[in-house]
């Protein structure tokens, strides 16, 4: 069965180019297109795609919000970001909301097709510059407090949930759970789950009952 794909970008020329890349390969079927977030949601609900290939900065709805709503609608849908932006402000919210992968628009055609195949399998695919952004976030301890999603993940860890269980409960991928935990470890300056939970209790981030 071909991979069912929808293309979301507010530039018609970009959509045309992407459609051409995938239409030439029988392994893919472009089942819909959209120019903004609300249209993308409607198309996704109508067509039930395996992968949503989407830009981040579009009219009417932010990319991160679109990813969140897509994942809420269908936890099994895989979202692959294809954009020109690789700074922290764009990368981190997209990953936090459950994007399966994040590529830049200078990605070669063959690599893009391989990335969509990987995304359809639920595998994380990152451009090198995006991977560097995430690695920097992990290595550099953060002074700011944990994000609401990071607290949610840590609260579930404190209750003994596995990464798979956390992913299922929050409708995100296991790779995203791991990314959240790496951010938590860096911010709390610890190296493992048990130390993170202990530090969270000591600093008041988690209540004695285990709630976040």
N, C-alpha and C. Protein backbone atom coordinates (compact mmCIF):
# COMPACT_ATOMS: atom_id res chain seq x y z
N UNK A 1 0.85 -1.20 0.00
CA UNK A 1 0.00 0.00 0.00
C UNK A 1 0.88 1.25 0.00
N UNK A 2 0.55 2.23 -0.84
CA UNK A 2 1.35 3.46 -0.84
C UNK A 2 1.15 4.25 0.44
N UNK A 3 2.13 5.07 0.75
CA UNK A 3 2.04 5.96 1.91
C UNK A 3 1.13 7.12 1.54
N UNK A 4 0.07 7.31 2.33
CA UNK A 4 -0.90 8.38 2.08
C UNK A 4 -0.38 9.67 2.70
N UNK A 5 -0.26 10.70 1.87
CA UNK A 5 0.45 11.91 2.25
C UNK A 5 -0.40 13.13 1.95
N UNK A 6 -0.42 14.09 2.87
CA UNK A 6 -0.98 15.40 2.52
C UNK A 6 0.13 16.44 2.66
N UNK A 7 0.06 17.45 1.82
CA UNK A 7 1.07 18.50 1.74
C UNK A 7 0.45 19.81 2.22
N UNK A 8 1.09 20.45 3.20
CA UNK A 8 0.56 21.68 3.78
C UNK A 8 1.60 22.78 3.67
N UNK A 9 1.30 23.77 2.84
CA UNK A 9 2.21 24.92 2.65
C UNK A 9 1.39 26.05 2.05
N UNK A 10 1.64 27.28 2.49
CA UNK A 10 0.83 28.39 1.99
C UNK A 10 1.29 28.91 0.62
N UNK A 11 2.34 28.33 0.06
CA UNK A 11 2.82 28.74 -1.26
C UNK A 11 2.44 27.69 -2.30
N UNK A 12 1.58 28.03 -3.25
CA UNK A 12 1.15 27.07 -4.27
C UNK A 12 2.31 26.47 -5.05
N UNK A 13 3.33 27.27 -5.35
CA UNK A 13 4.47 26.77 -6.11
C UNK A 13 5.19 25.67 -5.33
N UNK A 14 5.32 25.85 -4.03
CA UNK A 14 5.97 24.83 -3.19
C UNK A 14 5.13 23.55 -3.18
N UNK A 15 3.82 23.70 -3.03
CA UNK A 15 2.95 22.52 -3.03
C UNK A 15 3.06 21.78 -4.36
N UNK A 16 3.08 22.54 -5.46
CA UNK A 16 3.20 21.91 -6.79
C UNK A 16 4.50 21.13 -6.90
N UNK A 17 5.59 21.73 -6.43
CA UNK A 17 6.89 21.07 -6.50
C UNK A 17 6.94 19.80 -5.67
N UNK A 18 6.38 19.87 -4.47
CA UNK A 18 6.37 18.69 -3.60
C UNK A 18 5.48 17.59 -4.17
N UNK A 19 4.33 17.99 -4.71
CA UNK A 19 3.45 17.00 -5.31
C UNK A 19 4.17 16.26 -6.43
N UNK A 20 4.94 17.00 -7.22
CA UNK A 20 5.68 16.38 -8.32
C UNK A 20 6.72 15.39 -7.83
N UNK A 21 7.37 15.71 -6.73
CA UNK A 21 8.38 14.81 -6.17
C UNK A 21 7.78 13.46 -5.80
N UNK A 22 6.59 13.49 -5.22
CA UNK A 22 5.98 12.25 -4.72
C UNK A 22 5.08 11.57 -5.75
N UNK A 23 4.51 12.34 -6.67
CA UNK A 23 3.64 11.74 -7.67
C UNK A 23 4.41 10.82 -8.61
N UNK A 24 5.71 11.05 -8.74
CA UNK A 24 6.53 10.24 -9.64
C UNK A 24 6.93 8.89 -9.02
N UNK A 25 6.55 8.65 -7.79
CA UNK A 25 6.94 7.43 -7.09
C UNK A 25 5.69 6.70 -6.62
N UNK A 26 5.51 5.45 -7.08
CA UNK A 26 4.32 4.68 -6.73
C UNK A 26 4.23 4.34 -5.25
N UNK A 27 5.31 4.57 -4.51
CA UNK A 27 5.30 4.28 -3.07
C UNK A 27 4.50 5.31 -2.28
N UNK A 28 4.11 6.40 -2.98
CA UNK A 28 3.40 7.49 -2.29
C UNK A 28 2.09 7.80 -3.02
N UNK A 29 1.14 8.30 -2.25
CA UNK A 29 -0.10 8.81 -2.82
C UNK A 29 -0.43 10.13 -2.13
N UNK A 30 -0.38 11.23 -2.88
CA UNK A 30 -0.74 12.54 -2.32
C UNK A 30 -2.27 12.61 -2.31
N UNK A 31 -2.85 12.52 -1.11
CA UNK A 31 -4.31 12.45 -0.99
C UNK A 31 -4.95 13.80 -0.70
N UNK A 32 -4.12 14.84 -0.51
CA UNK A 32 -4.70 16.15 -0.25
C UNK A 32 -3.64 17.22 -0.08
N UNK A 33 -4.08 18.47 -0.17
CA UNK A 33 -3.21 19.63 0.03
C UNK A 33 -3.95 20.67 0.84
N UNK A 34 -3.19 21.55 1.50
CA UNK A 34 -3.80 22.63 2.27
C UNK A 34 -2.85 23.81 2.31
N UNK A 35 -3.42 25.00 2.47
CA UNK A 35 -2.63 26.23 2.47
C UNK A 35 -2.52 26.86 3.85
N UNK A 36 -3.25 26.32 4.84
CA UNK A 36 -3.17 26.86 6.19
C UNK A 36 -3.61 25.79 7.19
N UNK A 37 -3.50 26.11 8.47
CA UNK A 37 -3.79 25.14 9.50
C UNK A 37 -5.21 24.62 9.51
N UNK A 38 -6.22 25.49 9.54
CA UNK A 38 -7.60 24.99 9.56
C UNK A 38 -7.93 24.12 8.35
N UNK A 39 -7.44 24.51 7.18
CA UNK A 39 -7.68 23.70 5.99
C UNK A 39 -6.97 22.35 6.12
N UNK A 40 -5.77 22.36 6.70
CA UNK A 40 -5.02 21.11 6.88
C UNK A 40 -5.77 20.15 7.79
N UNK A 41 -6.35 20.66 8.86
CA UNK A 41 -7.13 19.81 9.76
C UNK A 41 -8.32 19.18 9.03
N UNK A 42 -9.01 20.01 8.24
CA UNK A 42 -10.17 19.51 7.50
C UNK A 42 -9.76 18.43 6.50
N UNK A 43 -8.67 18.67 5.78
CA UNK A 43 -8.19 17.71 4.79
C UNK A 43 -7.75 16.42 5.47
N UNK A 44 -7.05 16.55 6.60
CA UNK A 44 -6.59 15.36 7.33
C UNK A 44 -7.76 14.52 7.80
N UNK A 45 -8.78 15.17 8.34
CA UNK A 45 -9.94 14.43 8.83
C UNK A 45 -10.69 13.74 7.70
N UNK A 46 -10.65 14.35 6.52
CA UNK A 46 -11.36 13.78 5.38
C UNK A 46 -10.61 12.63 4.73
N UNK A 47 -9.26 12.71 4.74
CA UNK A 47 -8.47 11.75 3.97
C UNK A 47 -7.75 10.70 4.81
N UNK A 48 -7.54 10.97 6.11
CA UNK A 48 -6.85 10.00 6.97
C UNK A 48 -5.45 9.67 6.50
N UNK A 49 -4.54 10.65 6.41
CA UNK A 49 -3.20 10.40 5.88
C UNK A 49 -2.32 9.62 6.85
N UNK A 50 -1.28 9.00 6.29
CA UNK A 50 -0.24 8.39 7.12
C UNK A 50 0.75 9.43 7.59
N UNK A 51 1.04 10.39 6.72
CA UNK A 51 2.03 11.44 7.00
C UNK A 51 1.48 12.79 6.57
N UNK A 52 1.68 13.79 7.42
CA UNK A 52 1.39 15.18 7.07
C UNK A 52 2.73 15.88 6.88
N UNK A 53 3.00 16.33 5.66
CA UNK A 53 4.24 17.06 5.36
C UNK A 53 3.89 18.53 5.37
N UNK A 54 4.42 19.28 6.33
CA UNK A 54 3.92 20.64 6.54
C UNK A 54 5.00 21.67 6.80
N UNK A 55 4.72 22.89 6.35
CA UNK A 55 5.53 24.05 6.70
C UNK A 55 5.15 24.49 8.11
N UNK A 56 5.91 25.39 8.70
CA UNK A 56 5.61 25.85 10.05
C UNK A 56 4.90 27.19 10.10
N UNK A 57 5.36 28.14 9.31
CA UNK A 57 4.82 29.49 9.38
C UNK A 57 3.81 29.70 8.26
N UNK A 58 2.53 29.63 8.66
CA UNK A 58 1.43 29.76 7.71
C UNK A 58 0.34 30.64 8.31
N UNK A 59 -0.60 31.10 7.49
CA UNK A 59 -1.68 31.95 8.01
C UNK A 59 -2.62 31.19 8.94
N UNK A 60 -3.28 31.94 9.82
CA UNK A 60 -4.42 31.50 10.63
C UNK A 60 -4.07 30.61 11.82
N UNK A 61 -2.99 29.85 11.75
CA UNK A 61 -2.65 28.95 12.86
C UNK A 61 -1.15 28.67 12.84
N UNK A 62 -0.52 28.69 14.01
CA UNK A 62 0.91 28.39 14.07
C UNK A 62 1.17 26.92 13.75
N UNK A 63 2.38 26.63 13.31
CA UNK A 63 2.73 25.25 13.01
C UNK A 63 2.63 24.36 14.23
N UNK A 64 3.11 24.85 15.38
CA UNK A 64 3.06 24.06 16.61
C UNK A 64 1.62 23.73 17.00
N UNK A 65 0.73 24.72 16.84
CA UNK A 65 -0.68 24.50 17.17
C UNK A 65 -1.31 23.47 16.22
N UNK A 66 -0.95 23.54 14.95
CA UNK A 66 -1.47 22.57 13.99
C UNK A 66 -0.99 21.17 14.35
N UNK A 67 0.28 21.04 14.71
CA UNK A 67 0.80 19.73 15.10
C UNK A 67 0.05 19.20 16.32
N UNK A 68 -0.17 20.07 17.29
CA UNK A 68 -0.88 19.64 18.50
C UNK A 68 -2.28 19.15 18.16
N UNK A 69 -2.98 19.89 17.31
CA UNK A 69 -4.35 19.50 16.98
C UNK A 69 -4.40 18.23 16.14
N UNK A 70 -3.45 18.08 15.23
CA UNK A 70 -3.38 16.86 14.45
C UNK A 70 -3.16 15.65 15.35
N UNK A 71 -2.25 15.80 16.32
CA UNK A 71 -1.94 14.68 17.22
C UNK A 71 -3.12 14.37 18.13
N UNK A 72 -3.86 15.41 18.53
CA UNK A 72 -5.05 15.18 19.35
C UNK A 72 -6.11 14.44 18.55
N UNK A 73 -6.28 14.84 17.29
CA UNK A 73 -7.27 14.21 16.43
C UNK A 73 -6.92 12.76 16.13
N UNK A 74 -5.65 12.52 15.82
CA UNK A 74 -5.23 11.16 15.48
C UNK A 74 -3.81 10.93 15.99
N UNK A 75 -3.66 10.31 17.16
CA UNK A 75 -2.32 10.08 17.72
C UNK A 75 -1.41 9.29 16.79
N UNK A 76 -2.00 8.52 15.87
CA UNK A 76 -1.20 7.70 14.97
C UNK A 76 -0.66 8.43 13.76
N UNK A 77 -1.13 9.66 13.51
CA UNK A 77 -0.65 10.39 12.35
C UNK A 77 0.77 10.88 12.60
N UNK A 78 1.62 10.80 11.58
CA UNK A 78 3.01 11.25 11.71
C UNK A 78 3.18 12.58 10.98
N UNK A 79 3.73 13.55 11.68
CA UNK A 79 3.89 14.90 11.13
C UNK A 79 5.35 15.15 10.84
N UNK A 80 5.65 15.46 9.59
CA UNK A 80 7.01 15.76 9.18
C UNK A 80 7.07 17.23 8.77
N UNK A 81 7.82 18.02 9.53
CA UNK A 81 7.97 19.45 9.24
C UNK A 81 8.98 19.64 8.12
N UNK A 82 8.64 20.50 7.16
CA UNK A 82 9.55 20.86 6.08
C UNK A 82 9.50 22.38 5.96
N UNK A 83 10.57 23.04 6.41
CA UNK A 83 10.54 24.49 6.52
C UNK A 83 11.91 25.07 6.24
N UNK A 84 11.99 26.41 6.28
CA UNK A 84 13.29 27.07 6.09
C UNK A 84 13.88 27.53 7.42
N UNK A 85 13.16 27.31 8.52
CA UNK A 85 13.56 27.85 9.81
C UNK A 85 14.12 26.75 10.73
N UNK A 86 15.31 26.99 11.29
CA UNK A 86 15.91 25.99 12.18
C UNK A 86 16.39 26.58 13.49
N UNK A 87 15.74 27.68 13.94
CA UNK A 87 16.14 28.27 15.22
C UNK A 87 15.32 27.66 16.35
N UNK A 88 15.78 27.91 17.58
CA UNK A 88 15.14 27.32 18.76
C UNK A 88 13.64 27.59 18.81
N UNK A 89 13.25 28.84 18.47
CA UNK A 89 11.86 29.25 18.60
C UNK A 89 10.93 28.44 17.71
N UNK A 90 11.46 27.90 16.62
CA UNK A 90 10.64 27.09 15.71
C UNK A 90 10.79 25.60 16.00
N UNK A 91 12.03 25.16 16.20
CA UNK A 91 12.30 23.72 16.35
C UNK A 91 11.66 23.16 17.61
N UNK A 92 11.93 23.79 18.76
CA UNK A 92 11.51 23.19 20.03
C UNK A 92 10.00 23.06 20.17
N UNK A 93 9.21 24.10 19.86
CA UNK A 93 7.75 23.91 19.97
C UNK A 93 7.22 22.81 19.07
N UNK A 94 7.78 22.70 17.86
CA UNK A 94 7.32 21.67 16.93
C UNK A 94 7.60 20.28 17.49
N UNK A 95 8.80 20.07 18.01
CA UNK A 95 9.16 18.77 18.58
C UNK A 95 8.34 18.49 19.83
N UNK A 96 8.16 19.52 20.66
CA UNK A 96 7.41 19.34 21.90
C UNK A 96 5.96 18.95 21.63
N UNK A 97 5.39 19.45 20.54
CA UNK A 97 4.00 19.13 20.23
C UNK A 97 3.84 17.79 19.52
N UNK A 98 4.96 17.13 19.21
CA UNK A 98 4.85 15.78 18.68
C UNK A 98 5.24 15.56 17.25
N UNK A 99 5.97 16.52 16.63
CA UNK A 99 6.43 16.31 15.26
C UNK A 99 7.33 15.07 15.20
N UNK A 100 7.10 14.23 14.21
CA UNK A 100 7.91 13.03 14.04
C UNK A 100 9.29 13.36 13.50
N UNK A 101 9.36 14.38 12.65
CA UNK A 101 10.63 14.78 12.07
C UNK A 101 10.63 16.25 11.70
N UNK A 102 11.83 16.76 11.39
CA UNK A 102 11.98 18.19 11.10
C UNK A 102 13.10 18.34 10.07
N UNK A 103 12.72 18.73 8.87
CA UNK A 103 13.68 18.90 7.78
C UNK A 103 13.63 20.33 7.24
N UNK A 104 14.71 20.70 6.57
CA UNK A 104 14.77 22.01 5.92
C UNK A 104 14.49 21.85 4.43
N UNK A 105 14.06 22.94 3.81
CA UNK A 105 13.62 22.87 2.42
C UNK A 105 14.75 22.70 1.42
N UNK A 106 15.99 22.71 1.89
CA UNK A 106 17.10 22.42 0.98
C UNK A 106 17.43 20.92 0.97
N UNK A 107 16.58 20.11 1.61
CA UNK A 107 16.78 18.66 1.62
C UNK A 107 16.65 18.10 0.20
N UNK A 108 17.61 17.30 -0.27
CA UNK A 108 17.50 16.71 -1.61
C UNK A 108 16.25 15.85 -1.75
N UNK A 109 15.76 15.72 -2.99
CA UNK A 109 14.52 14.98 -3.24
C UNK A 109 14.57 13.55 -2.73
N UNK A 110 15.66 12.85 -3.03
CA UNK A 110 15.76 11.45 -2.60
C UNK A 110 15.73 11.35 -1.08
N UNK A 111 16.42 12.28 -0.40
CA UNK A 111 16.42 12.27 1.06
C UNK A 111 15.03 12.58 1.62
N UNK A 112 14.31 13.46 0.94
CA UNK A 112 12.95 13.81 1.39
C UNK A 112 12.03 12.60 1.28
N UNK A 113 12.13 11.87 0.16
CA UNK A 113 11.30 10.67 0.02
C UNK A 113 11.65 9.64 1.09
N UNK A 114 12.96 9.46 1.36
CA UNK A 114 13.36 8.52 2.41
C UNK A 114 12.83 8.97 3.77
N UNK A 115 12.85 10.29 4.00
CA UNK A 115 12.38 10.82 5.29
C UNK A 115 10.89 10.57 5.48
N UNK A 116 10.11 10.71 4.40
CA UNK A 116 8.67 10.46 4.51
C UNK A 116 8.42 8.98 4.78
N UNK A 117 9.20 8.10 4.14
CA UNK A 117 9.07 6.67 4.44
C UNK A 117 9.38 6.39 5.91
N UNK A 118 10.45 7.01 6.41
CA UNK A 118 10.82 6.81 7.82
C UNK A 118 9.74 7.37 8.74
N UNK A 119 9.21 8.55 8.41
CA UNK A 119 8.17 9.16 9.23
C UNK A 119 6.93 8.28 9.27
N UNK A 120 6.60 7.66 8.14
CA UNK A 120 5.44 6.76 8.09
C UNK A 120 5.61 5.58 9.03
N UNK A 121 6.87 5.20 9.29
CA UNK A 121 7.16 4.12 10.24
C UNK A 121 7.26 4.64 11.67
N UNK A 122 7.08 5.94 11.85
CA UNK A 122 7.16 6.53 13.19
C UNK A 122 8.57 6.84 13.63
N UNK A 123 9.53 6.83 12.70
CA UNK A 123 10.92 7.09 13.04
C UNK A 123 11.22 8.60 13.01
N UNK A 124 12.07 9.05 13.91
CA UNK A 124 12.43 10.46 13.97
C UNK A 124 13.48 10.78 12.91
N UNK A 125 13.22 11.85 12.15
CA UNK A 125 14.13 12.28 11.10
C UNK A 125 14.42 13.76 11.31
N UNK A 126 15.70 14.11 11.44
CA UNK A 126 16.08 15.50 11.70
C UNK A 126 17.18 15.95 10.75
N UNK A 127 17.05 17.19 10.24
CA UNK A 127 18.16 17.77 9.50
C UNK A 127 19.32 17.98 10.46
N UNK A 128 20.57 17.94 9.97
CA UNK A 128 21.73 18.10 10.86
C UNK A 128 21.67 19.37 11.71
N UNK A 129 21.25 20.48 11.12
CA UNK A 129 21.22 21.73 11.89
C UNK A 129 20.17 21.67 12.98
N UNK A 130 19.06 20.98 12.73
CA UNK A 130 18.02 20.83 13.74
C UNK A 130 18.50 19.92 14.86
N UNK A 131 19.18 18.85 14.50
CA UNK A 131 19.76 17.96 15.51
C UNK A 131 20.73 18.72 16.40
N UNK A 132 21.47 19.66 15.82
CA UNK A 132 22.42 20.46 16.60
C UNK A 132 21.69 21.36 17.58
N UNK A 133 20.57 21.93 17.15
CA UNK A 133 19.77 22.77 18.05
C UNK A 133 19.31 21.96 19.26
N UNK A 134 18.81 20.76 19.01
CA UNK A 134 18.33 19.92 20.10
C UNK A 134 19.48 19.47 21.01
N UNK A 135 20.62 19.14 20.40
CA UNK A 135 21.78 18.73 21.20
C UNK A 135 22.24 19.86 22.09
N UNK A 136 22.23 21.08 21.57
CA UNK A 136 22.65 22.23 22.37
C UNK A 136 21.71 22.43 23.55
N UNK A 137 20.41 22.27 23.30
CA UNK A 137 19.44 22.42 24.38
C UNK A 137 19.67 21.38 25.47
N UNK A 138 20.05 20.18 25.06
CA UNK A 138 20.29 19.10 26.03
C UNK A 138 21.56 19.37 26.83
N UNK A 139 22.61 19.84 26.14
CA UNK A 139 23.90 20.02 26.82
C UNK A 139 23.92 21.22 27.74
N UNK A 140 23.21 22.29 27.39
CA UNK A 140 23.29 23.54 28.15
C UNK A 140 22.21 23.56 29.22
N UNK A 141 22.57 23.47 30.50
CA UNK A 141 21.55 23.54 31.56
C UNK A 141 20.75 24.83 31.46
N UNK A 142 19.45 24.73 31.64
CA UNK A 142 18.56 25.87 31.49
C UNK A 142 18.19 26.43 32.86
N UNK A 143 18.20 27.75 32.95
CA UNK A 143 17.84 28.39 34.22
C UNK A 143 16.32 28.49 34.36
N UNK A 144 15.61 28.50 33.23
CA UNK A 144 14.17 28.69 33.31
C UNK A 144 13.49 27.43 33.86
N UNK A 145 12.27 27.60 34.34
CA UNK A 145 11.53 26.49 34.92
C UNK A 145 11.14 25.48 33.83
N UNK A 146 10.77 24.30 34.28
CA UNK A 146 10.31 23.30 33.33
C UNK A 146 9.01 23.75 32.67
N UNK A 147 8.85 23.39 31.41
CA UNK A 147 7.63 23.72 30.69
C UNK A 147 6.48 22.86 31.23
N UNK A 148 5.23 23.26 30.97
CA UNK A 148 4.10 22.44 31.43
C UNK A 148 4.17 21.00 30.93
N UNK A 149 4.58 20.81 29.67
CA UNK A 149 4.66 19.44 29.14
C UNK A 149 5.78 18.66 29.83
N UNK A 150 6.91 19.32 30.10
CA UNK A 150 8.01 18.65 30.80
C UNK A 150 7.59 18.24 32.21
N UNK A 151 6.84 19.10 32.89
CA UNK A 151 6.32 18.76 34.21
C UNK A 151 5.36 17.58 34.13
N UNK A 152 4.55 17.57 33.08
CA UNK A 152 3.59 16.48 32.89
C UNK A 152 4.32 15.15 32.71
N UNK A 153 5.36 15.18 31.86
CA UNK A 153 6.15 13.97 31.63
C UNK A 153 6.83 13.52 32.92
N UNK A 154 7.43 14.47 33.64
CA UNK A 154 8.14 14.13 34.87
C UNK A 154 7.18 13.59 35.92
N UNK A 155 5.97 14.15 35.99
CA UNK A 155 4.97 13.64 36.93
C UNK A 155 4.61 12.20 36.65
N UNK A 156 4.52 11.85 35.37
CA UNK A 156 4.22 10.47 35.00
C UNK A 156 5.40 9.54 35.30
N UNK A 157 6.62 10.05 35.10
CA UNK A 157 7.81 9.28 35.47
C UNK A 157 7.78 8.98 36.97
N UNK A 158 7.40 9.98 37.76
CA UNK A 158 7.35 9.80 39.22
C UNK A 158 6.35 8.75 39.62
N UNK A 159 5.33 8.55 38.78
CA UNK A 159 4.32 7.52 39.07
C UNK A 159 4.73 6.15 38.55
N UNK A 160 5.92 6.07 37.95
CA UNK A 160 6.42 4.80 37.48
C UNK A 160 6.10 4.45 36.04
N UNK A 161 5.60 5.42 35.27
CA UNK A 161 5.24 5.14 33.88
C UNK A 161 6.48 4.98 33.01
N UNK A 162 6.41 4.07 32.07
CA UNK A 162 7.49 3.89 31.10
C UNK A 162 7.35 4.93 29.99
N UNK A 163 8.39 5.07 29.16
CA UNK A 163 8.32 6.00 28.04
C UNK A 163 7.16 5.66 27.12
N UNK A 164 6.94 4.37 26.89
CA UNK A 164 5.84 3.96 26.01
C UNK A 164 4.49 4.34 26.61
N UNK A 165 4.33 4.15 27.90
CA UNK A 165 3.08 4.49 28.57
C UNK A 165 2.85 6.00 28.55
N UNK A 166 3.93 6.77 28.77
CA UNK A 166 3.82 8.23 28.73
C UNK A 166 3.41 8.69 27.33
N UNK A 167 4.05 8.12 26.32
CA UNK A 167 3.73 8.48 24.94
C UNK A 167 2.27 8.22 24.63
N UNK A 168 1.77 7.07 25.05
CA UNK A 168 0.38 6.72 24.78
C UNK A 168 -0.58 7.66 25.51
N UNK A 169 -0.26 8.01 26.75
CA UNK A 169 -1.15 8.86 27.54
C UNK A 169 -1.19 10.29 27.00
N UNK A 170 -0.05 10.81 26.54
CA UNK A 170 0.04 12.19 26.09
C UNK A 170 -0.12 12.35 24.58
N UNK A 171 -0.30 11.22 23.88
CA UNK A 171 -0.47 11.24 22.42
C UNK A 171 0.75 11.85 21.72
N UNK A 172 1.93 11.45 22.15
CA UNK A 172 3.17 11.87 21.52
C UNK A 172 4.01 10.62 21.25
N UNK A 173 5.10 10.77 20.50
CA UNK A 173 5.94 9.62 20.21
C UNK A 173 6.90 9.35 21.38
N UNK A 174 7.42 8.12 21.44
CA UNK A 174 8.41 7.81 22.45
C UNK A 174 9.65 8.66 22.28
N UNK A 175 10.00 8.99 21.02
CA UNK A 175 11.15 9.86 20.78
C UNK A 175 10.94 11.23 21.40
N UNK A 176 9.71 11.74 21.33
CA UNK A 176 9.41 13.04 21.93
C UNK A 176 9.50 12.95 23.45
N UNK A 177 9.04 11.85 24.02
CA UNK A 177 9.17 11.66 25.47
C UNK A 177 10.64 11.71 25.87
N UNK A 178 11.49 11.01 25.12
CA UNK A 178 12.92 11.01 25.41
C UNK A 178 13.51 12.42 25.32
N UNK A 179 13.05 13.19 24.32
CA UNK A 179 13.54 14.56 24.17
C UNK A 179 13.14 15.40 25.38
N UNK A 180 11.88 15.27 25.81
CA UNK A 180 11.44 16.00 27.01
C UNK A 180 12.29 15.63 28.22
N UNK A 181 12.56 14.34 28.38
CA UNK A 181 13.34 13.91 29.54
C UNK A 181 14.77 14.44 29.48
N UNK A 182 15.34 14.49 28.28
CA UNK A 182 16.69 15.05 28.16
C UNK A 182 16.71 16.52 28.55
N UNK A 183 15.64 17.25 28.16
CA UNK A 183 15.55 18.65 28.57
C UNK A 183 15.43 18.78 30.09
N UNK A 184 14.62 17.90 30.68
CA UNK A 184 14.44 17.91 32.13
C UNK A 184 15.76 17.63 32.83
N UNK A 185 16.49 16.61 32.37
CA UNK A 185 17.78 16.28 32.97
C UNK A 185 18.72 17.47 32.93
N UNK A 186 18.75 18.16 31.77
CA UNK A 186 19.66 19.30 31.61
C UNK A 186 19.28 20.44 32.54
N UNK A 187 17.99 20.73 32.61
CA UNK A 187 17.53 21.85 33.44
C UNK A 187 17.75 21.58 34.93
N UNK A 188 17.55 20.32 35.34
CA UNK A 188 17.71 19.98 36.76
C UNK A 188 19.14 19.55 37.10
N UNK A 189 19.99 19.48 36.06
CA UNK A 189 21.40 19.11 36.23
C UNK A 189 21.53 17.72 36.87
N UNK A 190 20.81 16.76 36.30
CA UNK A 190 20.87 15.38 36.76
C UNK A 190 21.13 14.48 35.55
N UNK A 191 21.35 13.20 35.82
CA UNK A 191 21.72 12.28 34.75
C UNK A 191 20.73 11.15 34.50
N UNK A 192 19.72 11.00 35.38
CA UNK A 192 18.79 9.90 35.17
C UNK A 192 17.42 10.24 35.72
N UNK A 193 16.48 9.34 35.49
CA UNK A 193 15.09 9.56 35.86
C UNK A 193 14.89 9.67 37.37
N UNK A 194 15.53 8.77 38.10
CA UNK A 194 15.37 8.79 39.55
C UNK A 194 15.88 10.10 40.16
N UNK A 195 17.03 10.56 39.68
CA UNK A 195 17.60 11.81 40.19
C UNK A 195 16.71 12.99 39.82
N UNK A 196 16.10 12.93 38.62
CA UNK A 196 15.21 14.02 38.19
C UNK A 196 13.99 14.10 39.10
N UNK A 197 13.41 12.94 39.41
CA UNK A 197 12.25 12.92 40.30
C UNK A 197 12.62 13.43 41.69
N UNK A 198 13.77 12.98 42.20
CA UNK A 198 14.21 13.42 43.52
C UNK A 198 14.42 14.93 43.55
N UNK A 199 15.08 15.46 42.51
CA UNK A 199 15.34 16.90 42.45
C UNK A 199 14.03 17.68 42.34
N UNK A 200 13.06 17.13 41.60
CA UNK A 200 11.78 17.81 41.45
C UNK A 200 11.03 17.88 42.77
N UNK A 201 11.09 16.82 43.57
CA UNK A 201 10.46 16.85 44.88
C UNK A 201 11.17 17.85 45.80
N UNK A 202 12.50 17.84 45.75
CA UNK A 202 13.28 18.72 46.62
C UNK A 202 13.04 20.19 46.31
N UNK A 203 12.84 20.51 45.05
CA UNK A 203 12.65 21.90 44.65
C UNK A 203 11.19 22.32 44.61
N UNK A 204 10.29 21.38 44.89
CA UNK A 204 8.88 21.71 44.90
C UNK A 204 8.20 21.68 43.55
N UNK A 205 8.92 21.22 42.51
CA UNK A 205 8.30 21.13 41.20
C UNK A 205 7.21 20.05 41.17
N UNK A 206 7.43 18.99 41.96
CA UNK A 206 6.42 17.95 42.12
C UNK A 206 5.95 17.91 43.57
N UNK A 207 4.66 17.64 43.72
CA UNK A 207 4.08 17.51 45.05
C UNK A 207 4.42 16.13 45.63
N UNK A 208 4.40 15.98 46.95
CA UNK A 208 4.69 14.68 47.57
C UNK A 208 3.80 13.55 47.06
N UNK A 209 2.61 13.89 46.57
CA UNK A 209 1.70 12.85 46.06
C UNK A 209 2.11 12.39 44.68
N UNK A 210 3.06 13.09 44.04
CA UNK A 210 3.49 12.72 42.71
C UNK A 210 2.86 13.57 41.64
N UNK A 211 1.96 14.48 42.00
CA UNK A 211 1.35 15.34 40.99
C UNK A 211 2.30 16.43 40.58
N UNK A 212 2.16 16.89 39.35
CA UNK A 212 3.01 17.95 38.85
C UNK A 212 2.38 19.29 39.15
